[in-house]
Amino acid sequence: MLVLSREIGQSIVIEDVLLTLLRIDEEYVEFSLTKLTGGKPKIVTLPHREQIEICYEVQVALIQIKGSRARFGFEYPPEVEITRHEFLE
């Protein structure tokens, strides 16, 4: 499992999809999923300790909320590339 922490406004790139953290609450987070090529973002609400499939057979779980940071756990096939957005800039 890959674990990444993000603050509001920070993103993770999954192949050609940008996951951007929008809101942190005590019980859940909201993030957007947007294709890097453009298009309308999809807003997703992820409750604490739940896991969902978001794209490319990638499962994401909200592991921990600590102040203004959220920790996500990713399970994904080996051929899928996941990286922090700032590494691509």
PDB file of N, CA and C in Angstrom:
ATOM      1  N   MET A   1       0.853  -1.179   0.000  1.00  0.00           N
ATOM      2  CA  MET A   1       0.000   0.000   0.000  1.00  0.00           C
ATOM      3  C   MET A   1       0.899   1.243   0.000  1.00  0.00           C
ATOM      4  N   LEU A   2       0.596   2.168  -0.888  1.00  0.00           N
ATOM      5  CA  LEU A   2       1.267   3.457  -0.948  1.00  0.00           C
ATOM      6  C   LEU A   2       0.485   4.429  -0.076  1.00  0.00           C
ATOM      7  N   VAL A   3       1.160   5.126   0.829  1.00  0.00           N
ATOM      8  CA  VAL A   3       0.506   6.093   1.709  1.00  0.00           C
ATOM      9  C   VAL A   3       1.062   7.475   1.403  1.00  0.00           C
ATOM     10  N   LEU A   4       0.161   8.424   1.124  1.00  0.00           N
ATOM     11  CA  LEU A   4       0.535   9.801   0.830  1.00  0.00           C
ATOM     12  C   LEU A   4      -0.310  10.744   1.669  1.00  0.00           C
ATOM     13  N   SER A   5       0.306  11.802   2.183  1.00  0.00           N
ATOM     14  CA  SER A   5      -0.408  12.845   2.917  1.00  0.00           C
ATOM     15  C   SER A   5      -0.582  14.051   2.012  1.00  0.00           C
ATOM     16  N   ARG A   6      -1.720  14.690   2.124  1.00  0.00           N
ATOM     17  CA  ARG A   6      -2.017  15.876   1.332  1.00  0.00           C
ATOM     18  C   ARG A   6      -2.713  16.904   2.205  1.00  0.00           C
ATOM     19  N   GLU A   7      -2.490  18.171   1.892  1.00  0.00           N
ATOM     20  CA  GLU A   7      -3.214  19.279   2.496  1.00  0.00           C
ATOM     21  C   GLU A   7      -4.218  19.787   1.475  1.00  0.00           C
ATOM     22  N   ILE A   8      -5.154  20.606   1.927  1.00  0.00           N
ATOM     23  CA  ILE A   8      -6.165  21.155   1.019  1.00  0.00           C
ATOM     24  C   ILE A   8      -5.462  21.888  -0.128  1.00  0.00           C
ATOM     25  N   GLY A   9      -5.893  21.589  -1.334  1.00  0.00           N
ATOM     26  CA  GLY A   9      -5.328  22.194  -2.536  1.00  0.00           C
ATOM     27  C   GLY A   9      -4.200  21.390  -3.165  1.00  0.00           C
ATOM     28  N   GLN A  10      -3.645  20.438  -2.443  1.00  0.00           N
ATOM     29  CA  GLN A  10      -2.574  19.611  -3.001  1.00  0.00           C
ATOM     30  C   GLN A  10      -3.165  18.441  -3.778  1.00  0.00           C
ATOM     31  N   SER A  11      -2.385  17.933  -4.741  1.00  0.00           N
ATOM     32  CA  SER A  11      -2.896  16.913  -5.654  1.00  0.00           C
ATOM     33  C   SER A  11      -1.980  15.703  -5.757  1.00  0.00           C
ATOM     34  N   ILE A  12      -2.582  14.638  -6.261  1.00  0.00           N
ATOM     35  CA  ILE A  12      -1.898  13.394  -6.595  1.00  0.00           C
ATOM     36  C   ILE A  12      -2.292  13.060  -8.023  1.00  0.00           C
ATOM     37  N   VAL A  13      -1.323  12.604  -8.835  1.00  0.00           N
ATOM     38  CA  VAL A  13      -1.601  12.233 -10.218  1.00  0.00           C
ATOM     39  C   VAL A  13      -1.631  10.714 -10.324  1.00  0.00           C
ATOM     40  N   ILE A  14      -2.740  10.204 -10.857  1.00  0.00           N
ATOM     41  CA  ILE A  14      -2.912   8.777 -11.096  1.00  0.00           C
ATOM     42  C   ILE A  14      -3.062   8.613 -12.606  1.00  0.00           C
ATOM     43  N   GLU A  15      -1.971   8.196 -13.255  1.00  0.00           N
ATOM     44  CA  GLU A  15      -1.919   8.116 -14.723  1.00  0.00           C
ATOM     45  C   GLU A  15      -2.236   9.490 -15.312  1.00  0.00           C
ATOM     46  N   ASP A  16      -3.452   9.699 -15.823  1.00  0.00           N
ATOM     47  CA  ASP A  16      -3.842  10.990 -16.411  1.00  0.00           C
ATOM     48  C   ASP A  16      -4.988  11.640 -15.644  1.00  0.00           C
ATOM     49  N   VAL A  17      -5.145  11.275 -14.377  1.00  0.00           N
ATOM     50  CA  VAL A  17      -6.214  11.817 -13.536  1.00  0.00           C
ATOM     51  C   VAL A  17      -5.583  12.547 -12.356  1.00  0.00           C
ATOM     52  N   LEU A  18      -6.087  13.750 -12.101  1.00  0.00           N
ATOM     53  CA  LEU A  18      -5.615  14.568 -10.996  1.00  0.00           C
ATOM     54  C   LEU A  18      -6.601  14.458  -9.834  1.00  0.00           C
ATOM     55  N   LEU A  19      -6.124  13.975  -8.691  1.00  0.00           N
ATOM     56  CA  LEU A  19      -6.923  13.907  -7.470  1.00  0.00           C
ATOM     57  C   LEU A  19      -6.490  15.090  -6.608  1.00  0.00           C
ATOM     58  N   THR A  20      -7.404  16.023  -6.335  1.00  0.00           N
ATOM     59  CA  THR A  20      -7.093  17.230  -5.571  1.00  0.00           C
ATOM     60  C   THR A  20      -7.938  17.276  -4.316  1.00  0.00           C
ATOM     61  N   LEU A  21      -7.298  17.419  -3.170  1.00  0.00           N
ATOM     62  CA  LEU A  21      -8.004  17.497  -1.894  1.00  0.00           C
ATOM     63  C   LEU A  21      -8.690  18.852  -1.771  1.00  0.00           C
ATOM     64  N   LEU A  22     -10.006  18.832  -1.537  1.00  0.00           N
ATOM     65  CA  LEU A  22     -10.787  20.059  -1.478  1.00  0.00           C
ATOM     66  C   LEU A  22     -11.204  20.462  -0.069  1.00  0.00           C
ATOM     67  N   ARG A  23     -11.541  19.466   0.763  1.00  0.00           N
ATOM     68  CA  ARG A  23     -12.108  19.766   2.075  1.00  0.00           C
ATOM     69  C   ARG A  23     -11.772  18.645   3.046  1.00  0.00           C
ATOM     70  N   ILE A  24     -11.490  19.030   4.295  1.00  0.00           N
ATOM     71  CA  ILE A  24     -11.257  18.057   5.353  1.00  0.00           C
ATOM     72  C   ILE A  24     -12.249  18.323   6.469  1.00  0.00           C
ATOM     73  N   ASP A  25     -12.955  17.295   6.872  1.00  0.00           N
ATOM     74  CA  ASP A  25     -13.890  17.347   7.995  1.00  0.00           C
ATOM     75  C   ASP A  25     -13.437  16.295   9.000  1.00  0.00           C
ATOM     76  N   GLU A  26     -13.985  16.289  10.177  1.00  0.00           N
ATOM     77  CA  GLU A  26     -13.608  15.291  11.187  1.00  0.00           C
ATOM     78  C   GLU A  26     -13.888  13.865  10.740  1.00  0.00           C
ATOM     79  N   GLU A  27     -14.939  13.664   9.949  1.00  0.00           N
ATOM     80  CA  GLU A  27     -15.378  12.320   9.571  1.00  0.00           C
ATOM     81  C   GLU A  27     -15.113  11.949   8.114  1.00  0.00           C
ATOM     82  N   TYR A  28     -14.765  12.910   7.279  1.00  0.00           N
ATOM     83  CA  TYR A  28     -14.605  12.622   5.850  1.00  0.00           C
ATOM     84  C   TYR A  28     -13.750  13.684   5.179  1.00  0.00           C
ATOM     85  N   VAL A  29     -13.380  13.400   3.928  1.00  0.00           N
ATOM     86  CA  VAL A  29     -12.733  14.395   3.074  1.00  0.00           C
ATOM     87  C   VAL A  29     -13.488  14.456   1.754  1.00  0.00           C
ATOM     88  N   GLU A  30     -13.336  15.563   1.066  1.00  0.00           N
ATOM     89  CA  GLU A  30     -13.858  15.700  -0.289  1.00  0.00           C
ATOM     90  C   GLU A  30     -12.673  15.976  -1.207  1.00  0.00           C
ATOM     91  N   PHE A  31     -12.674  15.306  -2.351  1.00  0.00           N
ATOM     92  CA  PHE A  31     -11.639  15.569  -3.341  1.00  0.00           C
ATOM     93  C   PHE A  31     -12.267  15.562  -4.717  1.00  0.00           C
ATOM     94  N   SER A  32     -11.558  16.159  -5.671  1.00  0.00           N
ATOM     95  CA  SER A  32     -12.026  16.161  -7.051  1.00  0.00           C
ATOM     96  C   SER A  32     -11.129  15.254  -7.872  1.00  0.00           C
ATOM     97  N   LEU A  33     -11.731  14.648  -8.888  1.00  0.00           N
ATOM     98  CA  LEU A  33     -11.009  13.848  -9.870  1.00  0.00           C
ATOM     99  C   LEU A  33     -11.199  14.528 -11.219  1.00  0.00           C
ATOM    100  N   THR A  34     -10.098  14.903 -11.852  1.00  0.00           N
ATOM    101  CA  THR A  34     -10.156  15.624 -13.121  1.00  0.00           C
ATOM    102  C   THR A  34      -9.114  15.042 -14.069  1.00  0.00           C
ATOM    103  N   LYS A  35      -9.494  14.829 -15.312  1.00  0.00           N
ATOM    104  CA  LYS A  35      -8.529  14.403 -16.332  1.00  0.00           C
ATOM    105  C   LYS A  35      -7.543  15.542 -16.577  1.00  0.00           C
ATOM    106  N   LEU A  36      -6.279  15.221 -16.741  1.00  0.00           N
ATOM    107  CA  LEU A  36      -5.272  16.241 -17.011  1.00  0.00           C
ATOM    108  C   LEU A  36      -5.535  16.955 -18.327  1.00  0.00           C
ATOM    109  N   THR A  37      -6.244  16.307 -19.228  1.00  0.00           N
ATOM    110  CA  THR A  37      -6.561  16.907 -20.517  1.00  0.00           C
ATOM    111  C   THR A  37      -7.757  17.845 -20.444  1.00  0.00           C
ATOM    112  N   GLY A  38      -8.364  17.967 -19.261  1.00  0.00           N
ATOM    113  CA  GLY A  38      -9.500  18.870 -19.077  1.00  0.00           C
ATOM    114  C   GLY A  38     -10.787  18.108 -18.835  1.00  0.00           C
ATOM    115  N   GLY A  39     -11.852  18.843 -18.788  1.00  0.00           N
ATOM    116  CA  GLY A  39     -13.151  18.247 -18.528  1.00  0.00           C
ATOM    117  C   GLY A  39     -13.684  18.645 -17.164  1.00  0.00           C
ATOM    118  N   LYS A  40     -14.905  18.242 -16.922  1.00  0.00           N
ATOM    119  CA  LYS A  40     -15.578  18.586 -15.676  1.00  0.00           C
ATOM    120  C   LYS A  40     -15.091  17.679 -14.547  1.00  0.00           C
ATOM    121  N   PRO A  41     -14.713  18.264 -13.400  1.00  0.00           N
ATOM    122  CA  PRO A  41     -14.253  17.431 -12.287  1.00  0.00           C
ATOM    123  C   PRO A  41     -15.399  16.661 -11.642  1.00  0.00           C
ATOM    124  N   LYS A  42     -15.075  15.500 -11.126  1.00  0.00           N
ATOM    125  CA  LYS A  42     -16.024  14.695 -10.360  1.00  0.00           C
ATOM    126  C   LYS A  42     -15.661  14.888  -8.888  1.00  0.00           C
ATOM    127  N   ILE A  43     -16.626  15.280  -8.064  1.00  0.00           N
ATOM    128  CA  ILE A  43     -16.401  15.492  -6.640  1.00  0.00           C
ATOM    129  C   ILE A  43     -16.754  14.201  -5.897  1.00  0.00           C
ATOM    130  N   VAL A  44     -15.835  13.759  -5.043  1.00  0.00           N
ATOM    131  CA  VAL A  44     -15.995  12.506  -4.306  1.00  0.00           C
ATOM    132  C   VAL A  44     -15.887  12.792  -2.809  1.00  0.00           C
ATOM    133  N   THR A  45     -16.806  12.220  -2.027  1.00  0.00           N
ATOM    134  CA  THR A  45     -16.740  12.283  -0.572  1.00  0.00           C
ATOM    135  C   THR A  45     -16.274  10.924  -0.074  1.00  0.00           C
ATOM    136  N   LEU A  46     -15.220  10.929   0.726  1.00  0.00           N
ATOM    137  CA  LEU A  46     -14.647   9.689   1.231  1.00  0.00           C
ATOM    138  C   LEU A  46     -14.670   9.706   2.756  1.00  0.00           C
ATOM    139  N   PRO A  47     -15.526   8.879   3.371  1.00  0.00           N
ATOM    140  CA  PRO A  47     -15.572   8.801   4.836  1.00  0.00           C
ATOM    141  C   PRO A  47     -14.300   8.168   5.396  1.00  0.00           C
ATOM    142  N   HIS A  48     -14.020   8.506   6.631  1.00  0.00           N
ATOM    143  CA  HIS A  48     -12.844   7.983   7.339  1.00  0.00           C
ATOM    144  C   HIS A  48     -12.884   6.463   7.370  1.00  0.00           C
ATOM    145  N   ARG A  49     -11.739   5.833   7.058  1.00  0.00           N
ATOM    146  CA  ARG A  49     -11.536   4.380   7.091  1.00  0.00           C
ATOM    147  C   ARG A  49     -12.357   3.607   6.048  1.00  0.00           C
ATOM    148  N   GLU A  50     -12.902   4.286   5.061  1.00  0.00           N
ATOM    149  CA  GLU A  50     -13.579   3.585   3.961  1.00  0.00           C
ATOM    150  C   GLU A  50     -12.666   3.576   2.751  1.00  0.00           C
ATOM    151  N   GLN A  51     -12.898   2.603   1.881  1.00  0.00           N
ATOM    152  CA  GLN A  51     -12.087   2.440   0.685  1.00  0.00           C
ATOM    153  C   GLN A  51     -13.003   2.397  -0.527  1.00  0.00           C
ATOM    154  N   ILE A  52     -12.620   3.111  -1.592  1.00  0.00           N
ATOM    155  CA  ILE A  52     -13.402   3.105  -2.828  1.00  0.00           C
ATOM    156  C   ILE A  52     -12.456   2.976  -4.012  1.00  0.00           C
ATOM    157  N   GLU A  53     -13.008   2.490  -5.124  1.00  0.00           N
ATOM    158  CA  GLU A  53     -12.242   2.447  -6.370  1.00  0.00           C
ATOM    159  C   GLU A  53     -12.509   3.734  -7.116  1.00  0.00           C
ATOM    160  N   ILE A  54     -11.435   4.416  -7.545  1.00  0.00           N
ATOM    161  CA  ILE A  54     -11.632   5.705  -8.199  1.00  0.00           C
ATOM    162  C   ILE A  54     -11.358   5.673  -9.703  1.00  0.00           C
ATOM    163  N   CYS A  55     -10.318   4.977 -10.143  1.00  0.00           N
ATOM    164  CA  CYS A  55     -10.011   4.877 -11.570  1.00  0.00           C
ATOM    165  C   CYS A  55      -8.887   3.868 -11.754  1.00  0.00           C
ATOM    166  N   TYR A  56      -8.787   3.281 -12.930  1.00  0.00           N
ATOM    167  CA  TYR A  56      -7.698   2.356 -13.278  1.00  0.00           C
ATOM    168  C   TYR A  56      -7.484   1.259 -12.235  1.00  0.00           C
ATOM    169  N   GLU A  57      -8.573   0.787 -11.650  1.00  0.00           N
ATOM    170  CA  GLU A  57      -8.534  -0.251 -10.612  1.00  0.00           C
ATOM    171  C   GLU A  57      -7.752   0.201  -9.375  1.00  0.00           C
ATOM    172  N   VAL A  58      -7.701   1.498  -9.155  1.00  0.00           N
ATOM    173  CA  VAL A  58      -7.025   2.062  -7.988  1.00  0.00           C
ATOM    174  C   VAL A  58      -8.032   2.196  -6.849  1.00  0.00           C
ATOM    175  N   GLN A  59      -7.693   1.609  -5.711  1.00  0.00           N
ATOM    176  CA  GLN A  59      -8.493   1.724  -4.501  1.00  0.00           C
ATOM    177  C   GLN A  59      -7.841   2.773  -3.611  1.00  0.00           C
ATOM    178  N   VAL A  60      -8.644   3.696  -3.084  1.00  0.00           N
ATOM    179  CA  VAL A  60      -8.118   4.708  -2.174  1.00  0.00           C
ATOM    180  C   VAL A  60      -8.897   4.641  -0.873  1.00  0.00           C
ATOM    181  N   ALA A  61      -8.177   4.770   0.242  1.00  0.00           N
ATOM    182  CA  ALA A  61      -8.793   4.770   1.567  1.00  0.00           C
ATOM    183  C   ALA A  61      -8.291   5.991   2.326  1.00  0.00           C
ATOM    184  N   LEU A  62      -9.169   6.572   3.115  1.00  0.00           N
ATOM    185  CA  LEU A  62      -8.788   7.657   4.004  1.00  0.00           C
ATOM    186  C   LEU A  62      -8.307   7.023   5.299  1.00  0.00           C
ATOM    187  N   ILE A  63      -7.020   7.106   5.553  1.00  0.00           N
ATOM    188  CA  ILE A  63      -6.413   6.428   6.697  1.00  0.00           C
ATOM    189  C   ILE A  63      -6.463   7.283   7.957  1.00  0.00           C
ATOM    190  N   GLN A  64      -6.141   8.572   7.802  1.00  0.00           N
ATOM    191  CA  GLN A  64      -6.048   9.421   8.981  1.00  0.00           C
ATOM    192  C   GLN A  64      -6.296  10.877   8.620  1.00  0.00           C
ATOM    193  N   ILE A  65      -6.936  11.591   9.523  1.00  0.00           N
ATOM    194  CA  ILE A  65      -7.087  13.032   9.405  1.00  0.00           C
ATOM    195  C   ILE A  65      -6.359  13.628  10.606  1.00  0.00           C
ATOM    196  N   LYS A  66      -5.431  14.530  10.326  1.00  0.00           N
ATOM    197  CA  LYS A  66      -4.657  15.144  11.394  1.00  0.00           C
ATOM    198  C   LYS A  66      -4.532  16.629  11.086  1.00  0.00           C
ATOM    199  N   GLY A  67      -5.370  17.428  11.730  1.00  0.00           N
ATOM    200  CA  GLY A  67      -5.354  18.867  11.481  1.00  0.00           C
ATOM    201  C   GLY A  67      -5.740  19.182  10.054  1.00  0.00           C
ATOM    202  N   SER A  68      -4.842  19.838   9.346  1.00  0.00           N
ATOM    203  CA  SER A  68      -5.124  20.226   7.956  1.00  0.00           C
ATOM    204  C   SER A  68      -4.565  19.233   6.946  1.00  0.00           C
ATOM    205  N   ARG A  69      -4.192  18.041   7.407  1.00  0.00           N
ATOM    206  CA  ARG A  69      -3.635  17.011   6.520  1.00  0.00           C
ATOM    207  C   ARG A  69      -4.499  15.760   6.549  1.00  0.00           C
ATOM    208  N   ALA A  70      -4.571  15.130   5.401  1.00  0.00           N
ATOM    209  CA  ALA A  70      -5.265  13.839   5.281  1.00  0.00           C
ATOM    210  C   ALA A  70      -4.269  12.826   4.729  1.00  0.00           C
ATOM    211  N   ARG A  71      -4.278  11.621   5.289  1.00  0.00           N
ATOM    212  CA  ARG A  71      -3.417  10.532   4.805  1.00  0.00           C
ATOM    213  C   ARG A  71      -4.275   9.546   4.037  1.00  0.00           C
ATOM    214  N   PHE A  72      -3.850   9.287   2.809  1.00  0.00           N
ATOM    215  CA  PHE A  72      -4.547   8.361   1.930  1.00  0.00           C
ATOM    216  C   PHE A  72      -3.699   7.115   1.717  1.00  0.00           C
ATOM    217  N   GLY A  73      -4.356   5.972   1.624  1.00  0.00           N
ATOM    218  CA  GLY A  73      -3.693   4.735   1.275  1.00  0.00           C
ATOM    219  C   GLY A  73      -4.185   4.287  -0.090  1.00  0.00           C
ATOM    220  N   PHE A  74      -3.268   3.905  -0.967  1.00  0.00           N
ATOM    221  CA  PHE A  74      -3.609   3.488  -2.322  1.00  0.00           C
ATOM    222  C   PHE A  74      -3.176   2.052  -2.551  1.00  0.00           C
ATOM    223  N   GLU A  75      -4.072   1.258  -3.090  1.00  0.00           N
ATOM    224  CA  GLU A  75      -3.758  -0.076  -3.581  1.00  0.00           C
ATOM    225  C   GLU A  75      -4.048  -0.049  -5.071  1.00  0.00           C
ATOM    226  N   TYR A  76      -3.098  -0.541  -5.869  1.00  0.00           N
ATOM    227  CA  TYR A  76      -3.226  -0.382  -7.317  1.00  0.00           C
ATOM    228  C   TYR A  76      -2.396  -1.425  -8.042  1.00  0.00           C
ATOM    229  N   PRO A  77      -2.761  -1.693  -9.298  1.00  0.00           N
ATOM    230  CA  PRO A  77      -1.983  -2.637 -10.103  1.00  0.00           C
ATOM    231  C   PRO A  77      -0.576  -2.080 -10.368  1.00  0.00           C
ATOM    232  N   PRO A  78       0.408  -2.946 -10.548  1.00  0.00           N
ATOM    233  CA  PRO A  78       1.788  -2.491 -10.727  1.00  0.00           C
ATOM    234  C   PRO A  78       2.009  -1.626 -11.971  1.00  0.00           C
ATOM    235  N   GLU A  79       1.160  -1.756 -12.967  1.00  0.00           N
ATOM    236  CA  GLU A  79       1.357  -0.967 -14.192  1.00  0.00           C
ATOM    237  C   GLU A  79       0.822   0.462 -14.084  1.00  0.00           C
ATOM    238  N   VAL A  80       0.114   0.782 -13.010  1.00  0.00           N
ATOM    239  CA  VAL A  80      -0.449   2.120 -12.812  1.00  0.00           C
ATOM    240  C   VAL A  80       0.588   2.997 -12.109  1.00  0.00           C
ATOM    241  N   GLU A  81       0.754   4.225 -12.620  1.00  0.00           N
ATOM    242  CA  GLU A  81       1.710   5.159 -12.035  1.00  0.00           C
ATOM    243  C   GLU A  81       0.983   6.185 -11.172  1.00  0.00           C
ATOM    244  N   ILE A  82       1.430   6.333  -9.928  1.00  0.00           N
ATOM    245  CA  ILE A  82       0.873   7.308  -8.989  1.00  0.00           C
ATOM    246  C   ILE A  82       2.024   8.151  -8.466  1.00  0.00           C
ATOM    247  N   THR A  83       1.850   9.483  -8.484  1.00  0.00           N
ATOM    248  CA  THR A  83       2.892  10.374  -7.996  1.00  0.00           C
ATOM    249  C   THR A  83       2.278  11.652  -7.437  1.00  0.00           C
ATOM    250  N   ARG A  84       3.047  12.353  -6.630  1.00  0.00           N
ATOM    251  CA  ARG A  84       2.611  13.655  -6.148  1.00  0.00           C
ATOM    252  C   ARG A  84       2.665  14.646  -7.306  1.00  0.00           C
ATOM    253  N   HIS A  85       1.682  15.514  -7.377  1.00  0.00           N
ATOM    254  CA  HIS A  85       1.593  16.482  -8.479  1.00  0.00           C
ATOM    255  C   HIS A  85       2.820  17.385  -8.558  1.00  0.00           C
ATOM    256  N   GLU A  86       3.366  17.792  -7.414  1.00  0.00           N
ATOM    257  CA  GLU A  86       4.505  18.710  -7.435  1.00  0.00           C
ATOM    258  C   GLU A  86       5.743  18.086  -8.076  1.00  0.00           C
ATOM    259  N   PHE A  87       5.836  16.775  -8.127  1.00  0.00           N
ATOM    260  CA  PHE A  87       6.967  16.123  -8.779  1.00  0.00           C
ATOM    261  C   PHE A  87       6.915  16.260 -10.293  1.00  0.00           C
ATOM    262  N   LEU A  88       5.747  16.557 -10.838  1.00  0.00           N
ATOM    263  CA  LEU A  88       5.589  16.685 -12.293  1.00  0.00           C
ATOM    264  C   LEU A  88       5.757  18.132 -12.761  1.00  0.00           C
ATOM    265  N   GLU A  89       5.764  19.068 -11.840  1.00  0.00           N
ATOM    266  CA  GLU A  89       5.853  20.474 -12.227  1.00  0.00           C
ATOM    267  C   GLU A  89       7.277  20.892 -12.498  1.00  0.00           C
TER     268      GLU A  89
END
